[in-house]
Amino acid sequence: MLLFIIYYFVMGHYYPPDNLEEMEEEIDPSIRTCTYQFHTVSTQIIMYILQLGYALPISILYLFVILKILKAHKTEHMFSDAFFKIYVLDGIVSLIVVVLDYGLTRPLIYVNPLCHVFWAWFPQPTYILTPYLAGFNYFQFAKIFSISLLSANRFTCVAYPIWHKIFWKKHTNHVIIVSMICPVFFTWHLAISPTRFDPYVGEGILGYVKVVPFVRTTFFKLIVSLAAFLFILLTNIKTYRLTKKFKNKLRTLERSLTLSTVVISAVFVVYIIIQAILLIFSTSFLIENLAFGSTLKKIEFCCNDFYLMSSPIVLLIMNKRLRSSVFRVSPEAPQNSENTRVSSRVGDTVKIVVKSPSAKTLTMW
């Protein structure tokens, strides 16, 4: 299916719904407006607040888990594994995408007054918005590479356990650097292109004016996403089979991390499938059916959020050891209890025994 869509994209005049910024023909002036046709300002703002209502606490949890791993990676052996280095990378990239998305992309779509402000400020293409558009696309590509690294790490763990330890101990930092450099090759043209603001019946969209005619961002995304889709799908299937086969030989931690990664990667696979389904509808069709296109966009946003923010929840649910480490249970004596201190002296050795009632409190690190 993905191959069919790529063929259509390359051979035909085909524009996916996220490709409005690359269209060079003039759009119907009747829809090039900041006035809603099918929505009200209040309902759209409520939609944004509802999305922000779940994105904010999950993002805080995500940040909390990342900070815990960074704090404990030198003191707790569990967090010294290469997996957690890659997981932190993936988490930071995901949070940056979420911040950029909820910071400007979605407000332009859901907060109608912003559409009027940007339309007044940027009626012509400008380089002022270029850093945002280039950075947003860069981190979207980086997310694809980071989640592919997680799958690769878990696959080598169960398929080549001896080589896995040697390779990742020696080359983790190198692999991370390469994964952060690669997105530059797919977004460099955005950094030199002026960004334009386009209103479509009340919803604002950022696009760019192509400076390099033969380079298309959407084509790059299709190619990279397809490669990652096939790689993650195949490694996930193989990893899951090997995990079931050697479940008695794998350590509990390794098994839970592997299964967590399989689930997280499966979310990416579903996300790409939905993206492929959305590409079936051309831009001209979506322009003629604005209500349907708006519904598709909301579905895409929900899938995108699940893809970006499900990772910490999955990891904490499936990994008991990590869960107990993040929400550590530590002993603490009650304030009103009286401690019993017994001391004795034997020769030159002083022995002190302190007895106190045991108690446990939940400490958030």
Protein backbone atom coordinates (compact mmCIF):
# COMPACT_ATOMS: atom_id res chain seq x y z
CA MET A 1 0.00 0.00 0.00
CA LEU A 2 2.78 2.42 0.92
CA LEU A 3 4.65 1.53 -2.27
CA PHE A 4 1.49 2.21 -4.28
CA ILE A 5 1.11 5.64 -2.69
CA ILE A 6 4.75 6.53 -3.36
CA TYR A 7 4.31 5.49 -7.00
CA TYR A 8 1.27 7.76 -7.26
CA PHE A 9 3.13 10.57 -5.58
CA VAL A 10 6.10 10.38 -7.93
CA MET A 11 4.31 9.60 -11.20
CA GLY A 12 1.11 11.61 -10.83
CA HIS A 13 -0.06 15.05 -9.78
CA TYR A 14 -0.69 14.00 -6.22
CA TYR A 15 -0.79 16.11 -3.10
CA PRO A 16 -1.24 14.66 0.37
CA PRO A 17 -3.17 16.60 3.02
CA ASP A 18 -0.03 17.83 4.77
CA ASN A 19 1.46 19.10 1.53
CA LEU A 20 -0.40 22.39 1.17
CA GLU A 21 2.85 24.27 1.68
CA GLU A 22 4.30 22.78 -1.51
CA MET A 23 1.42 23.63 -3.84
CA GLU A 24 2.37 26.28 -6.35
CA GLU A 25 -1.04 26.84 -7.98
CA GLU A 26 -3.35 29.55 -6.67
CA ILE A 27 -5.88 28.49 -4.04
CA ASP A 28 -9.52 29.55 -4.34
CA PRO A 29 -9.73 32.99 -2.63
CA SER A 30 -13.08 32.03 -1.08
CA ILE A 31 -11.37 29.58 1.29
CA ARG A 32 -8.25 31.69 1.80
CA THR A 33 -9.74 33.41 4.81
CA CYS A 34 -9.54 33.42 8.60
CA THR A 35 -13.32 33.08 8.91
CA TYR A 36 -14.74 29.69 9.88
CA GLN A 37 -17.39 28.03 7.72
CA PHE A 38 -18.12 24.89 9.72
CA HIS A 39 -16.87 25.73 13.23
CA THR A 40 -17.18 28.41 15.86
CA VAL A 41 -14.29 30.14 17.59
CA SER A 42 -15.30 28.86 21.03
CA THR A 43 -15.66 25.20 20.02
CA GLN A 44 -12.26 25.20 18.32
CA ILE A 45 -10.59 26.76 21.35
CA ILE A 46 -12.26 24.16 23.59
CA MET A 47 -10.89 21.44 21.29
CA TYR A 48 -7.39 22.84 21.75
CA ILE A 49 -7.79 23.08 25.55
CA LEU A 50 -8.99 19.45 25.70
CA GLN A 51 -5.94 18.30 23.74
CA LEU A 52 -3.67 20.40 25.93
CA GLY A 53 -5.39 18.88 28.98
CA TYR A 54 -3.97 15.43 28.30
CA ALA A 55 -0.77 16.50 26.55
CA LEU A 56 0.51 18.62 29.44
CA PRO A 57 0.37 16.01 32.27
CA ILE A 58 1.72 13.25 30.02
CA SER A 59 4.57 15.50 28.90
CA ILE A 60 5.38 16.31 32.55
CA LEU A 61 5.44 12.57 33.32
CA TYR A 62 7.68 12.02 30.29
CA LEU A 63 10.08 14.74 31.46
CA PHE A 64 10.03 13.31 34.97
CA VAL A 65 11.05 9.85 33.71
CA ILE A 66 13.82 11.33 31.54
CA LEU A 67 15.23 13.36 34.44
CA LYS A 68 15.13 10.30 36.69
CA ILE A 69 17.11 8.27 34.14
CA LEU A 70 19.65 11.07 33.67
CA LYS A 71 20.06 11.42 37.42
CA ALA A 72 20.42 7.72 38.12
CA HIS A 73 22.40 6.45 35.12
CA LYS A 74 25.73 6.72 36.97
CA THR A 75 24.55 5.40 40.33
CA GLU A 76 22.11 2.65 39.33
CA HIS A 77 23.40 -0.12 37.09
CA MET A 78 20.01 -0.60 35.43
CA PHE A 79 20.08 2.87 33.87
CA SER A 80 23.62 2.51 32.50
CA ASP A 81 22.36 0.30 29.67
CA ALA A 82 22.61 1.73 26.14
CA PHE A 83 18.85 1.35 25.81
CA PHE A 84 18.24 4.16 28.29
CA LYS A 85 20.62 6.51 26.47
CA ILE A 86 18.62 6.01 23.30
CA TYR A 87 15.35 6.23 25.24
CA VAL A 88 16.38 9.61 26.69
CA LEU A 89 17.27 10.80 23.18
CA ASP A 90 13.90 9.64 21.86
CA GLY A 91 12.13 11.26 24.80
CA ILE A 92 13.84 14.63 24.39
CA VAL A 93 13.09 14.66 20.66
CA SER A 94 9.45 13.71 21.31
CA LEU A 95 9.01 16.46 23.90
CA ILE A 96 10.53 19.07 21.57
CA VAL A 97 8.09 18.04 18.82
CA VAL A 98 5.18 18.24 21.29
CA VAL A 99 6.26 21.70 22.51
CA LEU A 100 6.64 23.02 18.95
CA ASP A 101 3.36 21.45 17.88
CA TYR A 102 1.30 22.73 20.81
CA GLY A 103 3.25 25.99 20.91
CA LEU A 104 2.39 27.23 17.42
CA THR A 105 1.12 24.68 14.88
CA ARG A 106 -2.07 23.77 16.73
CA PRO A 107 -2.83 27.24 18.11
CA LEU A 108 -2.81 28.52 14.52
CA ILE A 109 -5.41 25.88 13.67
CA TYR A 110 -7.60 26.03 16.77
CA VAL A 111 -7.17 29.57 18.16
CA ASN A 112 -8.82 31.70 15.50
CA PRO A 113 -7.60 35.14 16.71
CA LEU A 114 -4.04 33.97 15.99
CA CYS A 115 -5.01 33.37 12.37
CA HIS A 116 -6.03 37.02 12.01
CA VAL A 117 -2.85 38.21 13.75
CA PHE A 118 -0.49 36.13 11.60
CA TRP A 119 -2.40 36.96 8.42
CA ALA A 120 -1.91 40.66 9.22
CA TRP A 121 1.74 40.27 10.20
CA PHE A 122 2.87 37.87 7.46
CA PRO A 123 0.82 38.47 4.28
CA GLN A 124 3.95 37.69 2.25
CA PRO A 125 6.56 34.90 2.61
CA THR A 126 9.12 35.71 5.29
CA TYR A 127 12.28 34.27 6.80
CA ILE A 128 11.12 35.18 10.31
CA LEU A 129 9.16 31.91 10.61
CA THR A 130 11.76 29.80 8.78
CA PRO A 131 13.65 28.65 11.94
CA TYR A 132 10.41 27.30 13.40
CA LEU A 133 9.32 25.39 10.28
CA ALA A 134 12.81 23.99 9.66
CA GLY A 135 13.25 23.00 13.32
CA PHE A 136 9.82 21.39 13.53
CA ASN A 137 10.47 19.24 10.46
CA TYR A 138 14.01 18.42 11.64
CA PHE A 139 12.77 16.99 14.94
CA GLN A 140 9.99 15.07 13.20
CA PHE A 141 12.65 13.30 11.15
CA ALA A 142 14.83 12.86 14.25
CA LYS A 143 11.93 11.11 15.98
CA ILE A 144 11.76 8.53 13.20
CA PHE A 145 15.49 7.83 13.53
CA SER A 146 15.42 7.63 17.34
CA ILE A 147 12.54 5.16 17.49
CA SER A 148 14.30 3.06 14.84
CA LEU A 149 17.37 2.99 17.09
CA LEU A 150 15.27 1.69 19.99
CA SER A 151 14.02 -1.17 17.82
CA ALA A 152 17.53 -1.94 16.59
CA ASN A 153 18.87 -2.01 20.15
CA ARG A 154 16.23 -4.46 21.38
CA PHE A 155 16.54 -6.64 18.28
CA THR A 156 20.30 -7.09 18.72
CA CYS A 157 19.73 -7.76 22.43
CA VAL A 158 17.72 -10.92 21.77
CA ALA A 159 19.17 -11.94 18.39
CA TYR A 160 22.89 -11.32 19.00
CA PRO A 161 23.33 -10.97 22.79
CA ILE A 162 27.14 -11.23 22.88
CA TRP A 163 27.74 -8.89 19.95
CA HIS A 164 25.02 -6.59 21.32
CA LYS A 165 26.94 -5.77 24.50
CA ILE A 166 30.20 -5.14 22.66
CA PHE A 167 28.71 -3.02 19.88
CA TRP A 168 26.43 -0.79 21.92
CA LYS A 169 28.98 -0.22 24.67
CA LYS A 170 31.48 0.99 22.09
CA HIS A 171 29.30 2.75 19.52
CA THR A 172 26.18 4.09 21.28
CA ASN A 173 27.39 7.71 21.23
CA HIS A 174 28.48 7.41 17.59
CA VAL A 175 25.11 6.01 16.54
CA ILE A 176 23.26 8.77 18.40
CA ILE A 177 25.36 11.47 16.71
CA VAL A 178 24.70 9.96 13.26
CA SER A 179 20.96 9.76 13.97
CA MET A 180 20.95 13.46 14.83
CA ILE A 181 22.93 14.44 11.73
CA CYS A 182 20.84 12.45 9.24
CA PRO A 183 17.69 14.65 9.52
CA VAL A 184 19.74 17.60 8.26
CA PHE A 185 19.95 15.93 4.83
CA PHE A 186 16.14 15.95 4.61
CA THR A 187 15.44 19.44 5.97
CA TRP A 188 18.33 21.64 4.76
CA HIS A 189 16.21 23.17 2.00
CA LEU A 190 13.70 24.43 4.58
CA ALA A 191 16.44 26.43 6.29
CA ILE A 192 17.05 28.44 3.11
CA SER A 193 13.40 28.81 2.06
CA PRO A 194 11.09 31.66 3.09
CA THR A 195 8.09 30.53 5.13
CA ARG A 196 4.59 31.62 4.29
CA PHE A 197 1.39 31.72 6.30
CA ASP A 198 -1.76 30.43 4.61
CA PRO A 199 -5.24 30.71 6.14
CA TYR A 200 -7.79 28.10 5.10
CA VAL A 201 -11.34 28.89 6.30
CA GLY A 202 -10.18 29.94 9.76
CA GLU A 203 -7.26 27.53 10.20
CA GLY A 204 -3.70 28.78 9.77
CA ILE A 205 -1.03 26.62 8.14
CA LEU A 206 2.67 27.32 7.78
CA GLY A 207 4.29 26.41 4.49
CA TYR A 208 7.33 27.37 2.47
CA VAL A 209 8.26 28.73 -0.92
CA LYS A 210 10.44 26.23 -2.73
CA VAL A 211 13.89 27.64 -3.40
CA VAL A 212 15.17 24.29 -4.69
CA PRO A 213 12.54 23.10 -7.23
CA PHE A 214 13.47 19.40 -7.27
CA VAL A 215 13.39 18.92 -3.48
CA ARG A 216 10.12 17.96 -1.78
CA THR A 217 9.78 17.58 1.99
CA THR A 218 6.82 15.22 1.69
CA PHE A 219 8.72 12.94 -0.66
CA PHE A 220 11.56 12.74 1.89
CA LYS A 221 9.08 11.95 4.65
CA LEU A 222 7.51 9.18 2.59
CA ILE A 223 10.86 7.57 1.82
CA VAL A 224 12.22 7.79 5.38
CA SER A 225 8.92 6.70 6.92
CA LEU A 226 8.62 3.75 4.55
CA ALA A 227 12.17 2.59 5.31
CA ALA A 228 11.58 2.95 9.06
CA PHE A 229 8.18 1.25 8.76
CA LEU A 230 9.64 -1.83 7.06
CA PHE A 231 12.65 -1.98 9.38
CA ILE A 232 10.63 -1.62 12.58
CA LEU A 233 7.91 -4.01 11.44
CA LEU A 234 10.39 -6.77 10.54
CA THR A 235 12.59 -6.32 13.62
CA ASN A 236 9.54 -6.19 15.90
CA ILE A 237 8.19 -9.46 14.55
CA LYS A 238 11.58 -11.13 14.89
CA THR A 239 12.22 -9.61 18.33
CA TYR A 240 8.84 -10.72 19.67
CA ARG A 241 9.32 -14.28 18.41
CA LEU A 242 12.80 -14.53 19.92
CA THR A 243 11.59 -13.04 23.20
CA LYS A 244 8.89 -15.69 23.48
CA LYS A 245 11.35 -18.42 22.49
CA PHE A 246 14.02 -17.44 25.01
CA LYS A 247 11.79 -15.95 27.71
CA ASN A 248 13.27 -18.25 30.35
CA LYS A 249 16.83 -17.26 29.41
CA LEU A 250 16.33 -13.50 29.23
CA ARG A 251 16.61 -11.44 32.38
CA THR A 252 13.35 -9.95 33.60
CA LEU A 253 14.57 -6.42 32.92
CA GLU A 254 15.74 -7.24 29.40
CA ARG A 255 12.48 -9.01 28.60
CA SER A 256 10.31 -6.15 29.87
CA LEU A 257 12.37 -3.51 28.04
CA THR A 258 12.18 -5.54 24.85
CA LEU A 259 8.42 -6.02 25.04
CA SER A 260 7.96 -2.33 25.91
CA THR A 261 9.95 -1.35 22.82
CA VAL A 262 7.88 -3.71 20.67
CA VAL A 263 4.70 -1.98 21.85
CA ILE A 264 6.16 1.53 21.42
CA SER A 265 7.39 0.67 17.93
CA ALA A 266 4.04 -0.92 17.05
CA VAL A 267 2.43 2.46 17.79
CA PHE A 268 4.74 3.98 15.18
CA VAL A 269 3.75 1.30 12.67
CA VAL A 270 0.05 2.07 13.23
CA TYR A 271 0.78 5.79 12.92
CA ILE A 272 2.48 5.29 9.54
CA ILE A 273 -0.40 3.12 8.29
CA ILE A 274 -2.88 5.86 9.21
CA GLN A 275 -0.65 8.45 7.52
CA ALA A 276 -0.68 6.29 4.39
CA ILE A 277 -4.49 6.09 4.48
CA LEU A 278 -4.70 9.87 4.81
CA LEU A 279 -2.51 10.28 1.73
CA ILE A 280 -5.19 8.63 -0.39
CA PHE A 281 -7.14 11.88 -0.35
CA SER A 282 -5.74 14.61 -2.60
CA THR A 283 -5.49 18.22 -1.53
CA SER A 284 -8.03 19.31 -4.15
CA PHE A 285 -10.53 16.80 -2.74
CA LEU A 286 -9.94 18.03 0.81
CA ILE A 287 -10.35 21.64 -0.28
CA GLU A 288 -13.70 20.79 -1.86
CA ASN A 289 -14.72 18.84 1.26
CA LEU A 290 -13.42 21.04 4.05
CA ALA A 291 -15.47 19.44 6.85
CA PHE A 292 -14.18 15.98 5.93
CA GLY A 293 -10.62 17.29 5.67
CA SER A 294 -10.88 18.92 9.09
CA THR A 295 -12.06 15.63 10.60
CA LEU A 296 -9.13 13.79 9.03
CA LYS A 297 -6.76 16.39 10.47
CA LYS A 298 -8.13 15.81 13.98
CA ILE A 299 -7.71 12.04 13.56
CA GLU A 300 -4.13 12.63 12.47
CA PHE A 301 -3.49 14.83 15.52
CA CYS A 302 -4.79 12.13 17.89
CA CYS A 303 -2.62 9.47 16.24
CA ASN A 304 0.35 11.83 16.33
CA ASP A 305 -0.13 12.45 20.06
CA PHE A 306 -0.36 8.74 20.80
CA TYR A 307 2.78 8.16 18.75
CA LEU A 308 4.73 10.90 20.54
CA MET A 309 3.52 10.54 24.13
CA SER A 310 2.66 6.87 24.73
CA SER A 311 6.26 5.84 25.43
CA PRO A 312 6.58 6.65 29.18
CA ILE A 313 3.18 5.14 29.97
CA VAL A 314 3.99 1.89 28.17
CA LEU A 315 7.44 1.67 29.75
CA LEU A 316 6.16 2.26 33.30
CA ILE A 317 3.25 -0.16 32.93
CA MET A 318 5.34 -3.00 31.53
CA ASN A 319 8.50 -2.52 33.61
CA LYS A 320 7.92 -3.10 37.32
CA ARG A 321 11.55 -2.50 38.24
CA LEU A 322 11.63 0.86 36.47
CA ARG A 323 8.30 1.79 38.01
CA SER A 324 9.53 1.04 41.53
CA SER A 325 12.76 2.93 40.82
CA VAL A 326 10.99 6.04 39.53
CA PHE A 327 8.46 6.02 42.38
CA ARG A 328 10.90 4.76 44.95
CA VAL A 329 9.72 3.22 48.22
CA SER A 330 12.17 4.15 50.99
CA PRO A 331 12.17 3.50 54.74
CA GLU A 332 11.48 6.38 57.08
CA ALA A 333 10.87 6.54 60.84
CA PRO A 334 7.65 8.19 62.09
CA GLN A 335 8.15 11.54 63.79
CA ASN A 336 6.28 10.56 66.98
CA SER A 337 7.98 7.20 67.49
CA GLU A 338 10.61 6.72 70.14
CA ASN A 339 13.80 5.06 69.07
CA THR A 340 15.46 2.56 71.33
CA ARG A 341 19.23 2.96 71.46
CA VAL A 342 21.25 0.11 72.91
CA SER A 343 25.02 0.28 73.16
CA SER A 344 27.56 -2.16 74.45
CA ARG A 345 31.32 -2.18 74.70
CA VAL A 346 33.34 -5.28 74.03
CA GLY A 347 37.07 -4.68 74.36
CA ASP A 348 37.97 -1.77 72.08
CA THR A 349 34.86 -2.19 69.92
CA VAL A 350 31.71 -0.19 70.53
CA LYS A 351 28.51 -1.73 69.17
CA ILE A 352 25.44 0.49 68.76
CA VAL A 353 22.04 -0.90 67.83
CA VAL A 354 19.19 1.46 66.94
CA LYS A 355 15.68 0.04 66.90
CA SER A 356 12.73 1.90 65.44
CA PRO A 357 9.34 0.94 64.02
CA SER A 358 9.48 0.35 60.31
CA ALA A 359 7.59 2.67 58.03
CA LYS A 360 7.43 3.35 54.31
CA THR A 361 6.75 6.52 52.43
CA LEU A 362 6.40 7.08 48.72
CA THR A 363 9.12 9.43 47.54
CA MET A 364 8.99 11.14 44.13
CA TRP A 365 12.52 11.46 42.75
